[in-house]
Amino acid sequence: MWRIEEHRRVKKQLSAVPKDILKRYEKWLDIAAISGPPGLRAIRGFRDEALSGEWKGHRSSQLSIQYRVIYRTVASGQLFQVVSVTAHDYRRP
């Protein structure tokens, strides 16, 4: 079982997203906690991918055409660190 840590800004970001995106994020959390990164990659709808540039070391999963969850993993501690849930804007905060 993987642990999930959310950055403090994620709660505020989630309060502004539509309900269907919030439900999809909750499903993403369930899959991430149970199956880890291989489980997220297995579901093609999430289109999980590694990021580059300023976001090198982070990954992105689609919640919809517009919304993404940006995170990184620490395999040794079986930990997901959710950095942002954003409307497809990859600029570093």
PDB file of N, CA and C in Angstrom:
ATOM      1  N   MET A   1       0.846  -1.188   0.000  1.00  0.00           N
ATOM      2  CA  MET A   1       0.000   0.000   0.000  1.00  0.00           C
ATOM      3  C   MET A   1       0.889   1.248   0.000  1.00  0.00           C
ATOM      4  N   TRP A   2       0.593   2.162  -0.883  1.00  0.00           N
ATOM      5  CA  TRP A   2       1.361   3.395  -1.025  1.00  0.00           C
ATOM      6  C   TRP A   2       0.729   4.501  -0.192  1.00  0.00           C
ATOM      7  N   ARG A   3       1.577   5.336   0.407  1.00  0.00           N
ATOM      8  CA  ARG A   3       1.085   6.513   1.141  1.00  0.00           C
ATOM      9  C   ARG A   3       1.003   7.686   0.170  1.00  0.00           C
ATOM     10  N   ILE A   4       0.091   8.610   0.440  1.00  0.00           N
ATOM     11  CA  ILE A   4      -0.077   9.778  -0.412  1.00  0.00           C
ATOM     12  C   ILE A   4      -0.018  11.033   0.439  1.00  0.00           C
ATOM     13  N   GLU A   5       0.884  11.936   0.075  1.00  0.00           N
ATOM     14  CA  GLU A   5       0.988  13.247   0.726  1.00  0.00           C
ATOM     15  C   GLU A   5       0.573  14.304  -0.283  1.00  0.00           C
ATOM     16  N   GLU A   6      -0.279  15.222   0.133  1.00  0.00           N
ATOM     17  CA  GLU A   6      -0.701  16.316  -0.732  1.00  0.00           C
ATOM     18  C   GLU A   6      -0.072  17.617  -0.247  1.00  0.00           C
ATOM     19  N   HIS A   7       0.446  18.390  -1.175  1.00  0.00           N
ATOM     20  CA  HIS A   7       0.964  19.716  -0.838  1.00  0.00           C
ATOM     21  C   HIS A   7      -0.195  20.553  -0.304  1.00  0.00           C
ATOM     22  N   ARG A   8       0.088  21.519   0.525  1.00  0.00           N
ATOM     23  CA  ARG A   8      -0.985  22.291   1.164  1.00  0.00           C
ATOM     24  C   ARG A   8      -1.841  23.061   0.163  1.00  0.00           C
ATOM     25  N   ARG A   9      -1.308  23.389  -1.004  1.00  0.00           N
ATOM     26  CA  ARG A   9      -2.090  24.129  -1.996  1.00  0.00           C
ATOM     27  C   ARG A   9      -3.111  23.247  -2.720  1.00  0.00           C
ATOM     28  N   VAL A  10      -2.945  21.925  -2.666  1.00  0.00           N
ATOM     29  CA  VAL A  10      -3.830  21.014  -3.398  1.00  0.00           C
ATOM     30  C   VAL A  10      -5.269  21.119  -2.905  1.00  0.00           C
ATOM     31  N   LYS A  11      -5.475  21.222  -1.613  1.00  0.00           N
ATOM     32  CA  LYS A  11      -6.836  21.344  -1.070  1.00  0.00           C
ATOM     33  C   LYS A  11      -7.542  22.572  -1.644  1.00  0.00           C
ATOM     34  N   LYS A  12      -6.831  23.690  -1.743  1.00  0.00           N
ATOM     35  CA  LYS A  12      -7.409  24.906  -2.298  1.00  0.00           C
ATOM     36  C   LYS A  12      -7.704  24.725  -3.790  1.00  0.00           C
ATOM     37  N   GLN A  13      -6.794  24.087  -4.500  1.00  0.00           N
ATOM     38  CA  GLN A  13      -7.010  23.850  -5.925  1.00  0.00           C
ATOM     39  C   GLN A  13      -8.224  22.955  -6.149  1.00  0.00           C
ATOM     40  N   LEU A  14      -8.381  21.940  -5.298  1.00  0.00           N
ATOM     41  CA  LEU A  14      -9.507  21.020  -5.450  1.00  0.00           C
ATOM     42  C   LEU A  14     -10.844  21.689  -5.150  1.00  0.00           C
ATOM     43  N   SER A  15     -10.843  22.715  -4.320  1.00  0.00           N
ATOM     44  CA  SER A  15     -12.102  23.401  -4.013  1.00  0.00           C
ATOM     45  C   SER A  15     -12.621  24.177  -5.219  1.00  0.00           C
ATOM     46  N   ALA A  16     -11.761  24.435  -6.206  1.00  0.00           N
ATOM     47  CA  ALA A  16     -12.155  25.215  -7.379  1.00  0.00           C
ATOM     48  C   ALA A  16     -12.447  24.357  -8.617  1.00  0.00           C
ATOM     49  N   VAL A  17     -12.212  23.042  -8.542  1.00  0.00           N
ATOM     50  CA  VAL A  17     -12.428  22.199  -9.720  1.00  0.00           C
ATOM     51  C   VAL A  17     -13.872  21.701  -9.774  1.00  0.00           C
ATOM     52  N   PRO A  18     -14.358  21.350 -10.964  1.00  0.00           N
ATOM     53  CA  PRO A  18     -15.704  20.787 -11.082  1.00  0.00           C
ATOM     54  C   PRO A  18     -15.827  19.450 -10.350  1.00  0.00           C
ATOM     55  N   LYS A  19     -17.055  19.072 -10.007  1.00  0.00           N
ATOM     56  CA  LYS A  19     -17.289  17.844  -9.239  1.00  0.00           C
ATOM     57  C   LYS A  19     -16.800  16.595  -9.970  1.00  0.00           C
ATOM     58  N   ASP A  20     -16.978  16.536 -11.290  1.00  0.00           N
ATOM     59  CA  ASP A  20     -16.543  15.345 -12.015  1.00  0.00           C
ATOM     60  C   ASP A  20     -15.023  15.179 -11.959  1.00  0.00           C
ATOM     61  N   ILE A  21     -14.292  16.278 -11.934  1.00  0.00           N
ATOM     62  CA  ILE A  21     -12.827  16.220 -11.808  1.00  0.00           C
ATOM     63  C   ILE A  21     -12.453  15.759 -10.401  1.00  0.00           C
ATOM     64  N   LEU A  22     -13.177  16.229  -9.407  1.00  0.00           N
ATOM     65  CA  LEU A  22     -12.923  15.819  -8.023  1.00  0.00           C
ATOM     66  C   LEU A  22     -13.148  14.316  -7.864  1.00  0.00           C
ATOM     67  N   LYS A  23     -14.209  13.792  -8.453  1.00  0.00           N
ATOM     68  CA  LYS A  23     -14.468  12.344  -8.385  1.00  0.00           C
ATOM     69  C   LYS A  23     -13.372  11.558  -9.092  1.00  0.00           C
ATOM     70  N   ARG A  24     -12.914  12.062 -10.230  1.00  0.00           N
ATOM     71  CA  ARG A  24     -11.845  11.385 -10.961  1.00  0.00           C
ATOM     72  C   ARG A  24     -10.540  11.420 -10.148  1.00  0.00           C
ATOM     73  N   TYR A  25     -10.278  12.523  -9.463  1.00  0.00           N
ATOM     74  CA  TYR A  25      -9.092  12.625  -8.608  1.00  0.00           C
ATOM     75  C   TYR A  25      -9.176  11.612  -7.463  1.00  0.00           C
ATOM     76  N   GLU A  26     -10.357  11.477  -6.870  1.00  0.00           N
ATOM     77  CA  GLU A  26     -10.523  10.494  -5.794  1.00  0.00           C
ATOM     78  C   GLU A  26     -10.268   9.081  -6.302  1.00  0.00           C
ATOM     79  N   LYS A  27     -10.709   8.776  -7.514  1.00  0.00           N
ATOM     80  CA  LYS A  27     -10.442   7.461  -8.114  1.00  0.00           C
ATOM     81  C   LYS A  27      -8.937   7.302  -8.353  1.00  0.00           C
ATOM     82  N   TRP A  28      -8.288   8.376  -8.816  1.00  0.00           N
ATOM     83  CA  TRP A  28      -6.841   8.351  -9.026  1.00  0.00           C
ATOM     84  C   TRP A  28      -6.127   8.033  -7.717  1.00  0.00           C
ATOM     85  N   LEU A  29      -6.577   8.677  -6.618  1.00  0.00           N
ATOM     86  CA  LEU A  29      -5.976   8.420  -5.296  1.00  0.00           C
ATOM     87  C   LEU A  29      -6.120   6.956  -4.895  1.00  0.00           C
ATOM     88  N   ASP A  30      -7.302   6.381  -5.125  1.00  0.00           N
ATOM     89  CA  ASP A  30      -7.530   4.974  -4.778  1.00  0.00           C
ATOM     90  C   ASP A  30      -6.575   4.059  -5.539  1.00  0.00           C
ATOM     91  N   ILE A  31      -6.464   4.277  -6.836  1.00  0.00           N
ATOM     92  CA  ILE A  31      -5.594   3.435  -7.661  1.00  0.00           C
ATOM     93  C   ILE A  31      -4.130   3.622  -7.262  1.00  0.00           C
ATOM     94  N   ALA A  32      -3.726   4.863  -7.017  1.00  0.00           N
ATOM     95  CA  ALA A  32      -2.347   5.140  -6.620  1.00  0.00           C
ATOM     96  C   ALA A  32      -2.014   4.464  -5.290  1.00  0.00           C
ATOM     97  N   ALA A  33      -2.925   4.526  -4.336  1.00  0.00           N
ATOM     98  CA  ALA A  33      -2.665   3.940  -3.017  1.00  0.00           C
ATOM     99  C   ALA A  33      -2.592   2.418  -3.080  1.00  0.00           C
ATOM    100  N   ILE A  34      -3.415   1.816  -3.903  1.00  0.00           N
ATOM    101  CA  ILE A  34      -3.469   0.353  -3.953  1.00  0.00           C
ATOM    102  C   ILE A  34      -2.391  -0.225  -4.869  1.00  0.00           C
ATOM    103  N   SER A  35      -2.260   0.318  -6.081  1.00  0.00           N
ATOM    104  CA  SER A  35      -1.401  -0.288  -7.102  1.00  0.00           C
ATOM    105  C   SER A  35      -0.083   0.428  -7.344  1.00  0.00           C
ATOM    106  N   GLY A  36       0.030   1.671  -6.898  1.00  0.00           N
ATOM    107  CA  GLY A  36       1.254   2.420  -7.127  1.00  0.00           C
ATOM    108  C   GLY A  36       1.399   2.849  -8.580  1.00  0.00           C
ATOM    109  N   PRO A  37       2.592   3.282  -8.977  1.00  0.00           N
ATOM    110  CA  PRO A  37       2.819   3.768 -10.340  1.00  0.00           C
ATOM    111  C   PRO A  37       2.461   2.770 -11.449  1.00  0.00           C
ATOM    112  N   PRO A  38       2.753   1.475 -11.290  1.00  0.00           N
ATOM    113  CA  PRO A  38       2.367   0.544 -12.367  1.00  0.00           C
ATOM    114  C   PRO A  38       0.850   0.507 -12.601  1.00  0.00           C
ATOM    115  N   GLY A  39       0.077   0.657 -11.558  1.00  0.00           N
ATOM    116  CA  GLY A  39      -1.375   0.673 -11.694  1.00  0.00           C
ATOM    117  C   GLY A  39      -1.853   1.891 -12.461  1.00  0.00           C
ATOM    118  N   LEU A  40      -1.220   3.041 -12.229  1.00  0.00           N
ATOM    119  CA  LEU A  40      -1.599   4.258 -12.951  1.00  0.00           C
ATOM    120  C   LEU A  40      -1.214   4.161 -14.423  1.00  0.00           C
ATOM    121  N   ARG A  41      -0.066   3.579 -14.703  1.00  0.00           N
ATOM    122  CA  ARG A  41       0.366   3.439 -16.094  1.00  0.00           C
ATOM    123  C   ARG A  41      -0.490   2.436 -16.851  1.00  0.00           C
ATOM    124  N   ALA A  42      -1.050   1.473 -16.151  1.00  0.00           N
ATOM    125  CA  ALA A  42      -1.867   0.445 -16.800  1.00  0.00           C
ATOM    126  C   ALA A  42      -3.203   0.992 -17.290  1.00  0.00           C
ATOM    127  N   ILE A  43      -3.695   2.050 -16.690  1.00  0.00           N
ATOM    128  CA  ILE A  43      -4.975   2.627 -17.095  1.00  0.00           C
ATOM    129  C   ILE A  43      -4.700   3.703 -18.129  1.00  0.00           C
ATOM    130  N   ARG A  44      -5.024   3.418 -19.375  1.00  0.00           N
ATOM    131  CA  ARG A  44      -4.662   4.303 -20.482  1.00  0.00           C
ATOM    132  C   ARG A  44      -5.341   5.670 -20.397  1.00  0.00           C
ATOM    133  N   GLY A  45      -6.501   5.751 -19.779  1.00  0.00           N
ATOM    134  CA  GLY A  45      -7.226   7.012 -19.678  1.00  0.00           C
ATOM    135  C   GLY A  45      -6.495   8.077 -18.884  1.00  0.00           C
ATOM    136  N   PHE A  46      -5.621   7.673 -17.972  1.00  0.00           N
ATOM    137  CA  PHE A  46      -4.861   8.644 -17.190  1.00  0.00           C
ATOM    138  C   PHE A  46      -3.686   9.224 -17.967  1.00  0.00           C
ATOM    139  N   ARG A  47      -3.237   8.535 -19.002  1.00  0.00           N
ATOM    140  CA  ARG A  47      -2.110   8.989 -19.821  1.00  0.00           C
ATOM    141  C   ARG A  47      -0.956   9.471 -18.942  1.00  0.00           C
ATOM    142  N   ASP A  48      -0.558   8.604 -18.040  1.00  0.00           N
ATOM    143  CA  ASP A  48       0.519   8.920 -17.097  1.00  0.00           C
ATOM    144  C   ASP A  48       1.841   9.056 -17.847  1.00  0.00           C
ATOM    145  N   GLU A  49       2.561  10.153 -17.595  1.00  0.00           N
ATOM    146  CA  GLU A  49       3.814  10.390 -18.306  1.00  0.00           C
ATOM    147  C   GLU A  49       4.809  11.147 -17.434  1.00  0.00           C
ATOM    148  N   ALA A  50       6.078  10.941 -17.737  1.00  0.00           N
ATOM    149  CA  ALA A  50       7.141  11.679 -17.059  1.00  0.00           C
ATOM    150  C   ALA A  50       7.223  13.078 -17.661  1.00  0.00           C
ATOM    151  N   LEU A  51       7.532  14.059 -16.818  1.00  0.00           N
ATOM    152  CA  LEU A  51       7.672  15.433 -17.281  1.00  0.00           C
ATOM    153  C   LEU A  51       9.145  15.770 -17.454  1.00  0.00           C
ATOM    154  N   SER A  52       9.412  16.818 -18.215  1.00  0.00           N
ATOM    155  CA  SER A  52      10.800  17.224 -18.460  1.00  0.00           C
ATOM    156  C   SER A  52      10.955  18.712 -18.173  1.00  0.00           C
ATOM    157  N   GLY A  53      12.142  19.208 -18.378  1.00  0.00           N
ATOM    158  CA  GLY A  53      12.407  20.626 -18.139  1.00  0.00           C
ATOM    159  C   GLY A  53      12.423  20.938 -16.662  1.00  0.00           C
ATOM    160  N   GLU A  54      11.733  22.017 -16.281  1.00  0.00           N
ATOM    161  CA  GLU A  54      11.686  22.413 -14.870  1.00  0.00           C
ATOM    162  C   GLU A  54      11.006  21.356 -14.005  1.00  0.00           C
ATOM    163  N   TRP A  55      10.151  20.546 -14.615  1.00  0.00           N
ATOM    164  CA  TRP A  55       9.389  19.533 -13.875  1.00  0.00           C
ATOM    165  C   TRP A  55      10.060  18.163 -13.915  1.00  0.00           C
ATOM    166  N   LYS A  56      11.325  18.093 -14.309  1.00  0.00           N
ATOM    167  CA  LYS A  56      12.025  16.816 -14.373  1.00  0.00           C
ATOM    168  C   LYS A  56      11.972  16.124 -13.005  1.00  0.00           C
ATOM    169  N   GLY A  57      11.668  14.838 -13.012  1.00  0.00           N
ATOM    170  CA  GLY A  57      11.529  14.083 -11.773  1.00  0.00           C
ATOM    171  C   GLY A  57      10.081  13.965 -11.314  1.00  0.00           C
ATOM    172  N   HIS A  58       9.192  14.702 -11.967  1.00  0.00           N
ATOM    173  CA  HIS A  58       7.767  14.648 -11.658  1.00  0.00           C
ATOM    174  C   HIS A  58       7.039  13.885 -12.759  1.00  0.00           C
ATOM    175  N   ARG A  59       5.819  13.473 -12.459  1.00  0.00           N
ATOM    176  CA  ARG A  59       4.967  12.798 -13.433  1.00  0.00           C
ATOM    177  C   ARG A  59       3.625  13.501 -13.493  1.00  0.00           C
ATOM    178  N   SER A  60       2.898  13.266 -14.574  1.00  0.00           N
ATOM    179  CA  SER A  60       1.604  13.885 -14.777  1.00  0.00           C
ATOM    180  C   SER A  60       0.599  12.812 -15.183  1.00  0.00           C
ATOM    181  N   SER A  61      -0.608  12.899 -14.649  1.00  0.00           N
ATOM    182  CA  SER A  61      -1.716  12.032 -15.059  1.00  0.00           C
ATOM    183  C   SER A  61      -2.889  12.917 -15.434  1.00  0.00           C
ATOM    184  N   GLN A  62      -3.565  12.573 -16.522  1.00  0.00           N
ATOM    185  CA  GLN A  62      -4.733  13.338 -16.940  1.00  0.00           C
ATOM    186  C   GLN A  62      -5.943  12.963 -16.104  1.00  0.00           C
ATOM    187  N   LEU A  63      -6.655  13.963 -15.640  1.00  0.00           N
ATOM    188  CA  LEU A  63      -7.940  13.733 -14.993  1.00  0.00           C
ATOM    189  C   LEU A  63      -9.065  14.010 -15.987  1.00  0.00           C
ATOM    190  N   SER A  64      -8.775  14.855 -16.960  1.00  0.00           N
ATOM    191  CA  SER A  64      -9.675  15.147 -18.074  1.00  0.00           C
ATOM    192  C   SER A  64      -8.805  15.722 -19.178  1.00  0.00           C
ATOM    193  N   ILE A  65      -9.424  16.210 -20.241  1.00  0.00           N
ATOM    194  CA  ILE A  65      -8.635  16.816 -21.308  1.00  0.00           C
ATOM    195  C   ILE A  65      -7.872  18.016 -20.763  1.00  0.00           C
ATOM    196  N   GLN A  66      -8.476  18.752 -19.860  1.00  0.00           N
ATOM    197  CA  GLN A  66      -7.867  19.972 -19.346  1.00  0.00           C
ATOM    198  C   GLN A  66      -7.075  19.763 -18.051  1.00  0.00           C
ATOM    199  N   TYR A  67      -7.607  19.021 -17.099  1.00  0.00           N
ATOM    200  CA  TYR A  67      -7.003  18.944 -15.760  1.00  0.00           C
ATOM    201  C   TYR A  67      -5.972  17.829 -15.642  1.00  0.00           C
ATOM    202  N   ARG A  68      -4.898  18.128 -14.907  1.00  0.00           N
ATOM    203  CA  ARG A  68      -3.810  17.185 -14.648  1.00  0.00           C
ATOM    204  C   ARG A  68      -3.505  17.141 -13.156  1.00  0.00           C
ATOM    205  N   VAL A  69      -3.019  15.988 -12.715  1.00  0.00           N
ATOM    206  CA  VAL A  69      -2.455  15.892 -11.372  1.00  0.00           C
ATOM    207  C   VAL A  69      -0.948  15.704 -11.569  1.00  0.00           C
ATOM    208  N   ILE A  70      -0.168  16.536 -10.912  1.00  0.00           N
ATOM    209  CA  ILE A  70       1.289  16.479 -11.019  1.00  0.00           C
ATOM    210  C   ILE A  70       1.823  15.953  -9.696  1.00  0.00           C
ATOM    211  N   TYR A  71       2.681  14.946  -9.789  1.00  0.00           N
ATOM    212  CA  TYR A  71       3.169  14.278  -8.579  1.00  0.00           C
ATOM    213  C   TYR A  71       4.568  13.735  -8.808  1.00  0.00           C
ATOM    214  N   ARG A  72       5.180  13.301  -7.719  1.00  0.00           N
ATOM    215  CA  ARG A  72       6.427  12.547  -7.804  1.00  0.00           C
ATOM    216  C   ARG A  72       6.326  11.384  -6.842  1.00  0.00           C
ATOM    217  N   THR A  73       7.145  10.382  -7.075  1.00  0.00           N
ATOM    218  CA  THR A  73       7.112   9.204  -6.215  1.00  0.00           C
ATOM    219  C   THR A  73       8.461   9.001  -5.549  1.00  0.00           C
ATOM    220  N   VAL A  74       8.409   8.422  -4.371  1.00  0.00           N
ATOM    221  CA  VAL A  74       9.602   8.002  -3.647  1.00  0.00           C
ATOM    222  C   VAL A  74       9.423   6.501  -3.446  1.00  0.00           C
ATOM    223  N   ALA A  75      10.046   5.720  -4.328  1.00  0.00           N
ATOM    224  CA  ALA A  75       9.830   4.274  -4.345  1.00  0.00           C
ATOM    225  C   ALA A  75      10.295   3.607  -3.051  1.00  0.00           C
ATOM    226  N   SER A  76      11.391   4.078  -2.482  1.00  0.00           N
ATOM    227  CA  SER A  76      11.918   3.434  -1.283  1.00  0.00           C
ATOM    228  C   SER A  76      10.945   3.533  -0.109  1.00  0.00           C
ATOM    229  N   GLY A  77      10.182   4.609  -0.066  1.00  0.00           N
ATOM    230  CA  GLY A  77       9.217   4.786   1.020  1.00  0.00           C
ATOM    231  C   GLY A  77       7.789   4.518   0.593  1.00  0.00           C
ATOM    232  N   GLN A  78       7.606   4.032  -0.641  1.00  0.00           N
ATOM    233  CA  GLN A  78       6.288   3.829  -1.227  1.00  0.00           C
ATOM    234  C   GLN A  78       5.398   5.040  -0.950  1.00  0.00           C
ATOM    235  N   LEU A  79       5.824   6.175  -1.491  1.00  0.00           N
ATOM    236  CA  LEU A  79       5.180   7.444  -1.204  1.00  0.00           C
ATOM    237  C   LEU A  79       4.883   8.213  -2.485  1.00  0.00           C
ATOM    238  N   PHE A  80       3.668   8.726  -2.605  1.00  0.00           N
ATOM    239  CA  PHE A  80       3.297   9.671  -3.653  1.00  0.00           C
ATOM    240  C   PHE A  80       3.275  11.051  -3.022  1.00  0.00           C
ATOM    241  N   GLN A  81       3.880  12.017  -3.676  1.00  0.00           N
ATOM    242  CA  GLN A  81       3.811  13.409  -3.235  1.00  0.00           C
ATOM    243  C   GLN A  81       3.066  14.185  -4.317  1.00  0.00           C
ATOM    244  N   VAL A  82       1.795  14.494  -4.069  1.00  0.00           N
ATOM    245  CA  VAL A  82       0.991  15.242  -5.022  1.00  0.00           C
ATOM    246  C   VAL A  82       1.355  16.714  -4.878  1.00  0.00           C
ATOM    247  N   VAL A  83       1.840  17.300  -5.967  1.00  0.00           N
ATOM    248  CA  VAL A  83       2.317  18.677  -5.951  1.00  0.00           C
ATOM    249  C   VAL A  83       1.211  19.642  -6.370  1.00  0.00           C
ATOM    250  N   SER A  84       0.417  19.238  -7.378  1.00  0.00           N
ATOM    251  CA  SER A  84      -0.563  20.165  -7.920  1.00  0.00           C
ATOM    252  C   SER A  84      -1.657  19.433  -8.680  1.00  0.00           C
ATOM    253  N   VAL A  85      -2.864  19.976  -8.635  1.00  0.00           N
ATOM    254  CA  VAL A  85      -3.962  19.577  -9.509  1.00  0.00           C
ATOM    255  C   VAL A  85      -4.299  20.848 -10.271  1.00  0.00           C
ATOM    256  N   THR A  86      -3.970  20.847 -11.562  1.00  0.00           N
ATOM    257  CA  THR A  86      -4.011  22.089 -12.304  1.00  0.00           C
ATOM    258  C   THR A  86      -4.693  21.939 -13.654  1.00  0.00           C
ATOM    259  N   ALA A  87      -5.085  23.059 -14.203  1.00  0.00           N
ATOM    260  CA  ALA A  87      -5.724  23.093 -15.514  1.00  0.00           C
ATOM    261  C   ALA A  87      -4.666  23.202 -16.602  1.00  0.00           C
ATOM    262  N   HIS A  88      -3.845  22.178 -16.744  1.00  0.00           N
ATOM    263  CA  HIS A  88      -2.828  22.027 -17.788  1.00  0.00           C
ATOM    264  C   HIS A  88      -1.914  23.244 -17.907  1.00  0.00           C
ATOM    265  N   ASP A  89      -1.365  23.672 -16.816  1.00  0.00           N
ATOM    266  CA  ASP A  89      -0.396  24.761 -16.793  1.00  0.00           C
ATOM    267  C   ASP A  89       0.825  24.250 -16.038  1.00  0.00           C
ATOM    268  N   TYR A  90       1.886  23.911 -16.753  1.00  0.00           N
ATOM    269  CA  TYR A  90       3.028  23.244 -16.131  1.00  0.00           C
ATOM    270  C   TYR A  90       4.100  24.199 -15.632  1.00  0.00           C
ATOM    271  N   ARG A  91       3.811  25.469 -15.550  1.00  0.00           N
ATOM    272  CA  ARG A  91       4.811  26.389 -14.992  1.00  0.00           C
ATOM    273  C   ARG A  91       5.035  26.063 -13.529  1.00  0.00           C
ATOM    274  N   ARG A  92       6.262  26.142 -13.115  1.00  0.00           N
ATOM    275  CA  ARG A  92       6.606  25.833 -11.720  1.00  0.00           C
ATOM    276  C   ARG A  92       6.037  26.913 -10.804  1.00  0.00           C
ATOM    277  N   PRO A  93       5.360  26.525  -9.707  1.00  0.00           N
ATOM    278  CA  PRO A  93       4.785  27.516  -8.790  1.00  0.00           C
ATOM    279  C   PRO A  93       5.827  28.290  -8.020  1.00  0.00           C
TER     280      PRO A  93
END
